[in-house]
């Protein structure tokens, strides 16, 4: 479901990890332990930067997708290295 124009994304709990999370431009930004002062300060900073930047992210947020991509690359790189070692 899309959000109304002009609304601010909510600070939420990511139940699986226990972290605070906010979704900006379709990307989840993990903020640290839910309810901690560090997490709330990071949320406030990200929202302020997001609004000041015309509601576009100013930095690449840490997302579950980016972690999956990195982990997904590891087996492919390993087999490539094994191929190079075998053919050397």
N, C-alpha and C. Protein backbone atom coordinates (compact mmCIF):
# COMPACT_ATOMS: atom_id res chain seq x y z
N UNK A 1 0.85 -1.16 0.00
CA UNK A 1 0.00 0.00 0.00
C UNK A 1 0.90 1.23 0.00
N UNK A 2 0.57 2.19 -0.83
CA UNK A 2 1.39 3.39 -0.90
C UNK A 2 0.96 4.40 0.17
N UNK A 3 1.89 5.26 0.49
CA UNK A 3 1.68 6.27 1.52
C UNK A 3 1.13 7.53 0.89
N UNK A 4 0.40 8.31 1.66
CA UNK A 4 -0.10 9.60 1.17
C UNK A 4 1.06 10.53 0.89
N UNK A 5 0.97 11.34 -0.16
CA UNK A 5 2.04 12.30 -0.42
C UNK A 5 2.24 13.25 0.76
N UNK A 6 3.49 13.50 1.10
CA UNK A 6 3.79 14.43 2.18
C UNK A 6 3.88 13.79 3.56
N UNK A 7 3.55 12.49 3.66
CA UNK A 7 3.62 11.86 4.98
C UNK A 7 5.05 11.40 5.27
N UNK A 8 5.34 11.23 6.53
CA UNK A 8 6.66 10.82 6.99
C UNK A 8 6.64 9.31 7.24
N UNK A 9 7.64 8.57 6.74
CA UNK A 9 7.69 7.13 6.99
C UNK A 9 7.78 6.81 8.48
N UNK A 10 7.14 5.74 8.88
CA UNK A 10 7.06 5.37 10.29
C UNK A 10 8.33 4.66 10.77
N UNK A 11 8.63 4.87 12.05
CA UNK A 11 9.67 4.13 12.75
C UNK A 11 9.01 2.83 13.20
N UNK A 12 9.56 1.70 12.81
CA UNK A 12 8.91 0.41 13.07
C UNK A 12 9.88 -0.58 13.68
N UNK A 13 9.33 -1.69 14.17
CA UNK A 13 10.11 -2.78 14.73
C UNK A 13 10.25 -3.87 13.68
N UNK A 14 11.49 -4.28 13.42
CA UNK A 14 11.75 -5.45 12.59
C UNK A 14 11.79 -6.63 13.57
N UNK A 15 10.70 -7.39 13.61
CA UNK A 15 10.54 -8.41 14.65
C UNK A 15 11.63 -9.48 14.63
N UNK A 16 12.05 -9.87 13.45
CA UNK A 16 13.04 -10.96 13.34
C UNK A 16 14.39 -10.58 13.97
N UNK A 17 14.78 -9.32 13.84
CA UNK A 17 16.09 -8.90 14.36
C UNK A 17 16.00 -8.05 15.62
N UNK A 18 14.81 -7.54 15.93
CA UNK A 18 14.65 -6.67 17.10
C UNK A 18 15.18 -5.27 16.87
N UNK A 19 15.42 -4.91 15.62
CA UNK A 19 15.95 -3.59 15.30
C UNK A 19 14.84 -2.63 14.88
N UNK A 20 15.11 -1.34 15.07
CA UNK A 20 14.25 -0.30 14.53
C UNK A 20 14.50 -0.24 13.03
N UNK A 21 13.45 0.08 12.28
CA UNK A 21 13.58 0.09 10.83
C UNK A 21 12.68 1.18 10.25
N UNK A 22 13.12 1.78 9.16
CA UNK A 22 12.29 2.74 8.44
C UNK A 22 12.48 2.45 6.95
N UNK A 23 11.42 2.54 6.19
CA UNK A 23 11.50 2.30 4.75
C UNK A 23 11.50 3.65 4.03
N UNK A 24 12.60 3.92 3.32
CA UNK A 24 12.74 5.15 2.54
C UNK A 24 12.91 4.79 1.08
N UNK A 25 12.02 5.28 0.24
CA UNK A 25 12.09 5.05 -1.21
C UNK A 25 12.18 3.56 -1.52
N UNK A 26 11.41 2.75 -0.80
CA UNK A 26 11.37 1.32 -1.07
C UNK A 26 12.51 0.52 -0.49
N UNK A 27 13.38 1.14 0.29
CA UNK A 27 14.53 0.44 0.89
C UNK A 27 14.43 0.50 2.40
N UNK A 28 14.68 -0.63 3.04
CA UNK A 28 14.65 -0.70 4.49
C UNK A 28 15.98 -0.24 5.07
N UNK A 29 15.91 0.69 6.01
CA UNK A 29 17.10 1.19 6.70
C UNK A 29 17.04 0.69 8.14
N UNK A 30 18.02 -0.13 8.53
CA UNK A 30 18.09 -0.64 9.89
C UNK A 30 18.76 0.39 10.77
N UNK A 31 18.17 0.62 11.94
CA UNK A 31 18.56 1.75 12.79
C UNK A 31 19.26 1.36 14.08
N UNK A 32 19.30 0.10 14.41
CA UNK A 32 19.86 -0.33 15.69
C UNK A 32 18.77 -0.89 16.57
N UNK A 33 19.09 -1.25 17.80
CA UNK A 33 18.10 -1.86 18.70
C UNK A 33 16.85 -0.98 18.83
N UNK A 34 15.69 -1.60 18.61
CA UNK A 34 14.41 -0.88 18.63
C UNK A 34 14.19 -0.19 19.96
N UNK A 35 13.83 1.08 19.91
CA UNK A 35 13.53 1.86 21.11
C UNK A 35 14.74 2.49 21.77
N UNK A 36 15.95 2.16 21.32
CA UNK A 36 17.14 2.75 21.94
C UNK A 36 17.29 4.20 21.49
N UNK A 37 18.00 5.00 22.28
CA UNK A 37 18.20 6.40 21.92
C UNK A 37 19.02 6.50 20.63
N UNK A 38 19.96 5.58 20.45
CA UNK A 38 20.77 5.56 19.22
C UNK A 38 19.88 5.34 17.99
N UNK A 39 18.96 4.40 18.12
CA UNK A 39 18.05 4.08 17.02
C UNK A 39 17.13 5.26 16.69
N UNK A 40 16.60 5.90 17.71
CA UNK A 40 15.70 7.05 17.50
C UNK A 40 16.45 8.23 16.90
N UNK A 41 17.69 8.46 17.35
CA UNK A 41 18.49 9.55 16.79
C UNK A 41 18.82 9.30 15.32
N UNK A 42 19.13 8.04 14.99
CA UNK A 42 19.43 7.70 13.59
C UNK A 42 18.19 7.89 12.73
N UNK A 43 17.02 7.50 13.25
CA UNK A 43 15.76 7.71 12.53
C UNK A 43 15.54 9.21 12.26
N UNK A 44 15.69 10.02 13.30
CA UNK A 44 15.50 11.47 13.14
C UNK A 44 16.47 12.05 12.11
N UNK A 45 17.74 11.60 12.15
CA UNK A 45 18.74 12.09 11.21
C UNK A 45 18.40 11.69 9.78
N UNK A 46 18.04 10.40 9.58
CA UNK A 46 17.71 9.94 8.24
C UNK A 46 16.48 10.65 7.66
N UNK A 47 15.48 10.85 8.49
CA UNK A 47 14.26 11.54 8.03
C UNK A 47 14.58 12.99 7.67
N UNK A 48 15.37 13.67 8.52
CA UNK A 48 15.74 15.07 8.24
C UNK A 48 16.52 15.16 6.93
N UNK A 49 17.48 14.25 6.72
CA UNK A 49 18.26 14.25 5.47
C UNK A 49 17.38 13.93 4.28
N UNK A 50 16.47 13.00 4.45
CA UNK A 50 15.56 12.58 3.39
C UNK A 50 14.65 13.74 2.95
N UNK A 51 14.10 14.46 3.92
CA UNK A 51 13.24 15.61 3.61
C UNK A 51 14.05 16.73 2.97
N UNK A 52 15.25 17.01 3.51
CA UNK A 52 16.10 18.08 2.98
C UNK A 52 16.58 17.77 1.56
N UNK A 53 16.64 16.49 1.22
CA UNK A 53 17.11 16.08 -0.10
C UNK A 53 15.96 15.84 -1.08
N UNK A 54 14.81 16.43 -0.82
CA UNK A 54 13.68 16.29 -1.72
C UNK A 54 13.05 14.92 -1.67
N UNK A 55 13.06 14.31 -0.49
CA UNK A 55 12.47 12.99 -0.26
C UNK A 55 13.14 11.90 -1.09
N UNK A 56 14.45 12.05 -1.26
CA UNK A 56 15.31 11.04 -1.88
C UNK A 56 16.39 10.68 -0.87
N UNK A 57 16.82 9.42 -0.83
CA UNK A 57 17.87 9.06 0.13
C UNK A 57 19.19 9.74 -0.20
N UNK A 58 19.92 10.18 0.83
CA UNK A 58 21.21 10.84 0.62
C UNK A 58 22.36 9.86 0.68
N UNK A 59 22.13 8.70 1.27
CA UNK A 59 23.17 7.67 1.34
C UNK A 59 22.51 6.34 1.01
N UNK A 60 23.32 5.37 0.65
CA UNK A 60 22.77 4.05 0.38
C UNK A 60 22.49 3.37 1.71
N UNK A 61 21.21 3.14 2.02
CA UNK A 61 20.90 2.52 3.29
C UNK A 61 21.28 1.04 3.30
N UNK A 62 21.55 0.50 4.48
CA UNK A 62 21.84 -0.92 4.61
C UNK A 62 20.51 -1.65 4.47
N UNK A 63 20.45 -2.55 3.52
CA UNK A 63 19.21 -3.26 3.29
C UNK A 63 19.44 -4.76 3.36
N UNK A 64 18.38 -5.46 3.58
CA UNK A 64 18.47 -6.92 3.56
C UNK A 64 18.87 -7.38 2.16
N UNK A 65 18.38 -6.70 1.12
CA UNK A 65 18.72 -7.07 -0.25
C UNK A 65 20.22 -7.00 -0.50
N UNK A 66 20.90 -5.96 0.00
CA UNK A 66 22.33 -5.83 -0.24
C UNK A 66 23.10 -6.93 0.46
N UNK A 67 22.65 -7.36 1.63
CA UNK A 67 23.31 -8.45 2.33
C UNK A 67 23.13 -9.75 1.56
N UNK A 68 21.93 -9.97 1.04
CA UNK A 68 21.66 -11.18 0.26
C UNK A 68 22.51 -11.19 -1.01
N UNK A 69 22.63 -10.05 -1.67
CA UNK A 69 23.43 -9.99 -2.89
C UNK A 69 24.89 -10.36 -2.61
N UNK A 70 25.45 -9.84 -1.53
CA UNK A 70 26.84 -10.13 -1.20
C UNK A 70 27.00 -11.61 -0.88
N UNK A 71 26.11 -12.16 -0.07
CA UNK A 71 26.20 -13.58 0.27
C UNK A 71 25.97 -14.45 -0.95
N UNK A 72 25.11 -14.02 -1.86
CA UNK A 72 24.85 -14.77 -3.07
C UNK A 72 26.03 -14.78 -4.02
N UNK A 73 26.90 -13.80 -3.96
CA UNK A 73 28.05 -13.72 -4.84
C UNK A 73 29.16 -14.66 -4.40
N UNK A 74 29.24 -14.97 -3.13
CA UNK A 74 30.36 -15.75 -2.61
C UNK A 74 30.55 -17.10 -3.30
N UNK A 75 29.52 -17.94 -3.48
CA UNK A 75 29.73 -19.22 -4.15
C UNK A 75 30.21 -19.06 -5.60
N UNK A 76 29.69 -18.07 -6.29
CA UNK A 76 30.12 -17.84 -7.67
C UNK A 76 31.59 -17.45 -7.72
N UNK A 77 32.03 -16.62 -6.80
CA UNK A 77 33.43 -16.22 -6.77
C UNK A 77 34.31 -17.40 -6.40
N UNK A 78 33.86 -18.23 -5.49
CA UNK A 78 34.65 -19.38 -5.08
C UNK A 78 34.85 -20.33 -6.26
N UNK A 79 33.80 -20.62 -7.01
CA UNK A 79 33.95 -21.54 -8.14
C UNK A 79 34.83 -20.92 -9.21
N UNK A 80 34.77 -19.60 -9.39
CA UNK A 80 35.64 -18.93 -10.35
C UNK A 80 37.11 -19.06 -9.94
N UNK A 81 37.37 -18.87 -8.64
CA UNK A 81 38.74 -19.01 -8.15
C UNK A 81 39.24 -20.45 -8.29
N UNK A 82 38.36 -21.42 -8.01
CA UNK A 82 38.74 -22.82 -8.17
C UNK A 82 39.06 -23.11 -9.65
N UNK A 83 38.29 -22.52 -10.56
CA UNK A 83 38.53 -22.68 -11.99
C UNK A 83 39.90 -22.13 -12.37
N UNK A 84 40.22 -20.93 -11.85
CA UNK A 84 41.51 -20.33 -12.15
C UNK A 84 42.67 -21.16 -11.60
N UNK A 85 42.51 -21.69 -10.38
CA UNK A 85 43.55 -22.53 -9.78
C UNK A 85 43.75 -23.82 -10.56
N UNK A 86 42.66 -24.41 -11.01
CA UNK A 86 42.72 -25.67 -11.75
C UNK A 86 43.42 -25.49 -13.09
N UNK A 87 43.17 -24.35 -13.74
CA UNK A 87 43.73 -24.10 -15.07
C UNK A 87 45.10 -23.41 -15.04
N UNK A 88 45.63 -23.16 -13.88
CA UNK A 88 46.93 -22.46 -13.79
C UNK A 88 48.09 -23.39 -14.03
